[in-house]
Protein backbone atom coordinates (compact mmCIF):
# COMPACT_ATOMS: atom_id res chain seq x y z
CA VAL A 1 71.09 25.07 -69.23
CA PRO A 2 73.71 26.67 -66.93
CA VAL A 3 71.86 30.01 -67.12
CA LEU A 4 68.18 29.08 -67.31
CA GLY A 5 68.10 25.40 -66.39
CA LYS A 6 66.72 25.89 -62.88
CA LYS A 7 63.85 28.14 -63.93
CA LYS A 8 60.36 26.88 -64.65
CA ILE A 9 59.55 27.29 -68.30
CA THR A 10 56.57 29.42 -67.33
CA ASP A 11 58.93 31.88 -65.64
CA ILE A 12 61.32 32.32 -68.56
CA LYS A 13 60.75 35.58 -70.38
CA ARG A 14 61.82 36.66 -73.86
CA ARG A 15 64.41 38.98 -72.32
CA ASP A 16 66.03 36.09 -70.42
CA VAL A 17 66.67 34.24 -73.65
CA VAL A 18 67.79 37.40 -75.48
CA LEU A 19 70.56 37.95 -72.92
CA VAL A 20 71.81 34.38 -73.36
CA LEU A 21 71.67 34.59 -77.15
CA ASP A 22 73.51 37.94 -77.22
CA THR A 23 76.33 36.43 -75.17
CA VAL A 24 76.65 33.48 -77.56
CA ALA A 25 76.31 35.66 -80.69
CA GLY A 26 79.28 37.72 -79.57
CA ARG A 27 81.63 34.76 -80.03
CA ALA A 28 79.73 32.36 -82.29
CA PRO A 29 76.97 33.93 -84.45
CA VAL A 30 75.95 30.72 -86.21
CA MET A 31 75.77 28.83 -82.92
CA ALA A 32 73.50 31.58 -81.56
CA ASN A 33 71.16 31.08 -84.49
CA ARG A 34 71.04 27.34 -83.85
CA LEU A 35 70.43 27.90 -80.16
CA LEU A 36 67.48 30.17 -80.93
CA ALA A 37 66.00 27.51 -83.23
CA TYR A 38 66.29 24.79 -80.58
CA VAL A 39 64.90 26.90 -77.74
CA ARG A 40 62.06 28.25 -79.88
CA HIS A 41 61.17 24.68 -80.83
CA MET A 42 61.10 23.74 -77.14
CA PHE A 43 58.70 26.60 -76.39
CA SER A 44 56.49 25.61 -79.36
CA TRP A 45 56.28 22.09 -77.92
CA ALA A 46 55.23 23.60 -74.58
CA VAL A 47 52.50 25.58 -76.33
CA ASP A 48 51.25 22.44 -78.09
CA ARG A 49 51.14 20.67 -74.70
CA ASP A 50 49.21 23.60 -73.19
CA VAL A 51 52.03 24.34 -70.73
CA LEU A 52 52.28 27.86 -72.19
CA GLU A 53 49.71 30.02 -73.93
CA ILE A 54 52.14 31.71 -76.30
CA ASN A 55 55.71 31.19 -77.51
CA PRO A 56 57.71 34.12 -76.10
CA LEU A 57 60.27 33.73 -78.89
CA ALA A 58 57.80 33.93 -81.78
CA GLY A 59 59.05 36.30 -84.46
CA MET A 60 62.48 36.79 -82.90
CA LYS A 61 65.17 37.58 -85.46
CA ARG A 62 68.34 35.56 -85.71
CA PRO A 63 70.79 36.93 -83.15
CA GLY A 64 73.72 35.92 -85.34
CA GLY A 65 72.33 37.64 -88.42
CA LYS A 66 72.15 36.23 -91.94
CA GLU A 67 74.33 33.22 -92.61
CA GLU A 68 76.35 33.02 -95.78
CA SER A 69 76.06 29.75 -97.65
CA ARG A 70 79.25 27.75 -97.32
CA GLU A 71 80.93 26.62 -100.51
CA ARG A 72 83.95 24.90 -98.98
CA ASN A 73 84.82 21.53 -100.36
CA LEU A 74 88.17 19.80 -100.09
CA THR A 75 90.45 19.38 -103.07
CA ALA A 76 91.84 15.96 -104.01
CA GLU A 77 95.17 16.86 -102.43
CA GLU A 78 93.44 17.99 -99.22
CA ILE A 79 91.44 14.75 -99.06
CA LYS A 80 94.63 12.74 -99.34
CA THR A 81 96.40 14.87 -96.73
CA LEU A 82 93.50 14.73 -94.28
CA TRP A 83 93.03 10.97 -94.61
CA LYS A 84 96.69 10.29 -93.93
CA ALA A 85 96.67 12.77 -91.03
CA LEU A 86 93.77 10.91 -89.42
CA ASP A 87 95.92 7.76 -89.44
CA ARG A 88 98.72 9.40 -87.46
CA ASP A 89 99.52 8.06 -84.00
CA ASP A 90 100.31 11.45 -82.48
CA LEU A 91 96.83 12.98 -82.87
CA ASN A 92 94.92 13.47 -79.64
CA MET A 93 91.75 12.14 -81.21
CA THR A 94 89.83 8.98 -80.40
CA ASP A 95 89.52 6.14 -82.87
CA GLU A 96 85.73 6.64 -82.92
CA ILE A 97 86.00 10.27 -83.97
CA ARG A 98 88.60 9.50 -86.64
CA ARG A 99 86.37 6.82 -88.17
CA ALA A 100 83.24 8.98 -87.93
CA ILE A 101 84.97 11.83 -89.76
CA LYS A 102 86.04 9.48 -92.54
CA LEU A 103 82.58 7.93 -92.74
CA VAL A 104 81.00 11.32 -93.51
CA LEU A 105 83.25 11.53 -96.56
CA VAL A 106 82.64 7.92 -97.60
CA THR A 107 78.83 7.94 -97.26
CA ALA A 108 77.97 11.63 -97.93
CA GLN A 109 75.56 11.58 -94.98
CA ARG A 110 75.01 14.30 -92.39
CA PRO A 111 77.53 14.29 -89.51
CA GLY A 112 74.73 14.20 -86.93
CA GLU A 113 73.34 11.05 -88.54
CA ILE A 114 76.76 9.44 -88.74
CA ILE A 115 77.56 9.80 -85.05
CA ASN A 116 74.12 8.42 -84.13
CA ILE A 117 74.41 5.14 -86.03
CA HIS A 118 72.96 2.27 -84.02
CA VAL A 119 73.74 -1.36 -84.75
CA SER A 120 70.03 -2.14 -84.97
CA GLU A 121 69.87 0.08 -88.09
CA ILE A 122 72.45 -1.98 -90.00
CA ASN A 123 71.49 -5.03 -92.04
CA GLY A 124 74.28 -6.39 -94.21
CA ASN A 125 75.41 -3.60 -96.52
CA TRP A 126 72.46 -1.35 -95.80
CA TRP A 127 72.04 1.23 -93.08
CA THR A 128 68.43 2.33 -92.61
CA ILE A 129 68.12 5.70 -90.84
CA PRO A 130 64.68 6.01 -89.20
CA GLY A 131 62.61 9.08 -89.94
CA ASN A 132 62.98 10.44 -86.42
CA LYS A 133 66.73 10.81 -87.07
CA THR A 134 66.65 12.41 -90.53
CA LYS A 135 66.36 16.10 -91.35
CA ASN A 136 63.34 15.65 -93.62
CA GLY A 137 61.61 13.14 -91.33
CA GLN A 138 61.69 10.36 -93.93
CA THR A 139 63.29 6.95 -93.51
CA HIS A 140 66.49 6.83 -95.54
CA ARG A 141 68.51 3.83 -96.76
CA VAL A 142 72.28 4.18 -97.21
CA TYR A 143 74.42 1.62 -99.01
CA LEU A 144 77.55 0.72 -97.05
CA THR A 145 80.53 0.04 -99.29
CA GLN A 146 83.42 -2.16 -98.24
CA THR A 147 85.24 0.95 -97.02
CA ALA A 148 82.22 2.10 -95.03
CA ILE A 149 81.88 -1.33 -93.41
CA SER A 150 85.55 -1.25 -92.40
CA LEU A 151 85.09 2.19 -90.82
CA LEU A 152 82.20 0.91 -88.70
CA GLY A 153 84.62 -1.58 -87.17
CA ASP A 154 83.53 -4.54 -85.08
CA ILE A 155 79.88 -3.87 -84.24
CA LYS A 156 79.09 -7.24 -82.69
CA GLY A 157 77.37 -6.80 -79.35
CA LYS A 158 77.34 -3.03 -79.64
CA GLY A 159 74.50 -0.51 -79.43
CA PHE A 160 75.65 2.84 -80.78
CA VAL A 161 78.62 2.43 -83.10
CA PHE A 162 80.25 5.69 -82.07
CA LYS A 163 79.48 5.84 -78.39
CA THR A 164 80.53 8.46 -75.90
CA ALA A 165 83.34 7.77 -73.45
CA GLY A 166 82.23 5.72 -70.45
CA GLU A 167 80.11 2.65 -70.01
CA ASP A 168 76.73 4.18 -70.86
CA ASP A 169 75.42 3.24 -74.31
CA ARG A 170 75.04 6.76 -75.62
CA ALA A 171 76.13 8.16 -78.97
CA MET A 172 78.82 10.80 -79.00
CA THR A 173 77.66 14.32 -79.81
CA GLU A 174 78.21 16.08 -83.11
CA LEU A 175 79.95 18.77 -81.07
CA ALA A 176 82.65 16.26 -80.13
CA MET A 177 83.49 15.74 -83.78
CA ASN A 178 83.43 19.48 -84.49
CA MET A 179 85.65 20.26 -81.52
CA ALA A 180 88.17 17.54 -82.36
CA ILE A 181 88.60 18.97 -85.86
CA ARG A 182 88.74 22.57 -84.67
CA ARG A 183 91.34 21.82 -81.98
CA HIS A 184 93.63 20.03 -84.42
CA LEU A 185 93.35 22.81 -86.98
CA GLN A 186 94.62 25.22 -84.30
CA TRP A 187 96.59 23.05 -81.91
CA PRO A 188 98.20 25.16 -79.12
CA LEU A 189 101.99 25.01 -79.01
CA LYS A 190 103.86 24.66 -75.71
CA ASP A 191 107.46 24.80 -74.60
CA THR A 192 109.38 21.90 -73.04
CA LYS A 193 107.91 22.77 -69.62
CA GLY A 194 104.34 22.68 -70.88
CA ASN A 195 103.86 26.45 -70.91
CA PRO A 196 101.91 27.98 -73.83
CA LEU A 197 103.90 29.73 -76.54
CA TYR A 198 102.88 33.04 -78.10
CA ASN A 199 103.45 34.76 -81.43
CA LYS A 200 104.99 38.22 -81.78
CA ASP A 201 101.51 39.75 -81.74
CA GLY A 202 100.83 38.21 -78.35
CA LYS A 203 98.34 35.65 -79.65
CA PRO A 204 98.72 31.97 -78.71
CA ALA A 205 100.97 30.09 -81.11
CA THR A 206 99.24 27.19 -82.87
CA GLU A 207 99.90 24.62 -85.56
CA ASN A 208 97.60 22.94 -88.05
CA ARG A 209 97.99 19.24 -87.27
CA LEU A 210 95.63 18.11 -90.04
CA GLY A 211 97.50 19.89 -92.83
CA VAL A 212 94.47 21.38 -94.61
CA ALA A 213 92.69 24.72 -94.48
CA HIS A 214 89.76 25.19 -92.10
CA PHE A 215 86.80 22.90 -92.75
CA THR A 216 83.80 21.50 -90.88
CA PRO A 217 82.34 17.97 -90.89
CA HIS A 218 79.51 19.19 -93.12
CA ASP A 219 82.09 20.37 -95.68
CA LEU A 220 83.10 16.70 -96.02
CA ARG A 221 79.52 15.84 -96.98
CA ARG A 222 79.63 18.61 -99.61
CA THR A 223 82.98 17.28 -100.80
CA ALA A 224 81.56 13.78 -101.22
CA THR A 225 78.64 15.14 -103.22
CA THR A 226 81.05 17.07 -105.43
CA LEU A 227 83.09 13.92 -106.05
CA MET A 228 79.96 12.05 -107.11
CA ALA A 229 79.25 14.81 -109.62
CA GLN A 230 82.83 14.52 -110.92
CA VAL A 231 82.35 10.81 -111.62
CA LYS A 232 79.11 11.59 -113.51
CA VAL A 233 76.53 10.50 -110.96
CA ILE A 234 73.48 12.44 -112.12
CA LYS A 235 71.90 15.01 -109.84
CA GLU A 236 68.74 13.03 -109.14
CA TYR A 237 70.74 10.11 -107.81
CA ARG A 238 73.01 12.39 -105.77
CA GLU A 239 69.91 13.92 -104.18
CA ARG A 240 68.65 10.44 -103.29
CA VAL A 241 71.99 9.50 -101.72
CA THR A 242 72.11 12.66 -99.61
CA ASN A 243 68.39 12.46 -98.73
CA HIS A 244 67.63 16.04 -99.69
CA LYS A 245 64.00 17.05 -99.45
CA LEU A 246 62.15 16.25 -102.66
CA GLY A 247 59.54 18.33 -104.43
CA LYS A 248 55.99 17.68 -103.26
CA ILE A 249 54.91 15.83 -106.40
CA ASP A 250 58.01 13.64 -106.63
CA GLY A 251 58.00 12.93 -102.87
CA THR A 252 54.32 11.94 -102.97
CA TYR A 253 54.04 9.94 -106.19
CA ASN A 254 57.52 8.59 -106.91
CA LEU A 255 57.93 5.75 -104.44
CA HIS A 256 60.79 4.01 -106.23
CA ASP A 257 63.36 3.25 -103.54
CA TYR A 258 66.42 3.92 -105.77
CA ASP A 259 68.47 1.30 -103.91
CA ASP A 260 70.31 0.20 -107.06
CA GLU A 261 71.12 3.77 -108.00
CA LYS A 262 72.29 4.62 -104.48
CA GLN A 263 74.56 1.61 -104.41
CA ALA A 264 76.08 2.45 -107.78
CA ALA A 265 76.61 6.09 -106.76
CA LEU A 266 78.31 5.25 -103.46
CA GLU A 267 80.47 2.59 -105.08
CA ALA A 268 81.54 5.20 -107.65
CA LEU A 269 82.34 7.60 -104.81
CA GLU A 270 84.38 4.90 -103.09
CA ARG A 271 86.41 4.25 -106.25
CA LYS A 272 87.11 7.96 -106.60
CA LEU A 273 88.25 8.27 -102.99
CA LEU A 274 90.47 5.19 -103.31
CA ALA A 275 92.10 6.67 -106.38
CA ILE A 276 92.68 10.02 -104.64
CA ILE A 277 94.08 8.57 -101.41
CA SER A 278 96.25 5.90 -103.01
CA GLY A 279 97.12 7.65 -106.23
CA VAL A 280 96.17 4.46 -108.09
CA GLU A 281 93.00 3.81 -110.04
CA SER A 282 91.72 0.59 -108.45
CA ASN A 283 88.57 -0.88 -106.95
CA VAL A 284 90.27 -3.14 -104.41
CA ILE A 285 92.85 -1.08 -102.54
CA PRO A 286 91.93 -1.26 -98.83
CA ILE A 287 91.66 1.96 -96.84
CA SER A 288 92.77 1.90 -93.19
CA ALA A 289 89.85 2.43 -90.80
CA GLY A 290 92.04 4.66 -88.66
CA LYS A 291 94.37 4.13 -85.73
CA LYS A 292 93.66 4.51 -82.08
CA ALA A 293 94.53 7.74 -80.36
CA ALA A 294 97.90 7.84 -78.70
């Protein structure tokens, strides 16, 4: 938007976008790939609406190159450390972001869906994500355990559960969650006068305030799925919980809603998390929903 936002879409050429993507790819290859996907989708929409005759980005290769599949999932010790870190008073992180991060781990849902939860989608212990918010375009029902309900907090009279700062009823962005985690994994150190400190190599000195190795919000979803496998939730039920795209035949002919199986799977996940965080095998130990930022 800062570079091309004032141009008419009919005046934007392939080269204009290439220059923007090359700049982004130099510092964030994966982000450049996502940016290409979004912009190309916008141009495709313009073609469908007969605003453009052709999509100038058709056939363009990913500027960030091939992406390696991530395999990061947190160990039990890392889960415990992270959860306790998110309860600390000295983190410069809002209560909404803390709870949203935890909720990814508790529900195994996509971070982008978590931060867009609207109160109208919640009915008792069920959260129904409309198809226009899911990756596969299909309505998805998620069972909310006692822990998940506590992480939602008081939703009475609210619109979006995790709203952006200010009075407007808008959901926070997934970027806000990503940035909060990234900043606390590499928190800049300063001296008593507020000046930045540097290491011997001249690079800014930082500390990891979350106490675990680098991870992303999506890695928490992978971690939750791994935990369900550890407690013997079968693959079919894990796939239903995470709303992965089904095969054509199963998606077309198998209309069983799997609510019972989803509930059992997420309750099993909750028990596993409770055991990890508390160190005690129990179904009733309460988990703090997180403290407000200092």
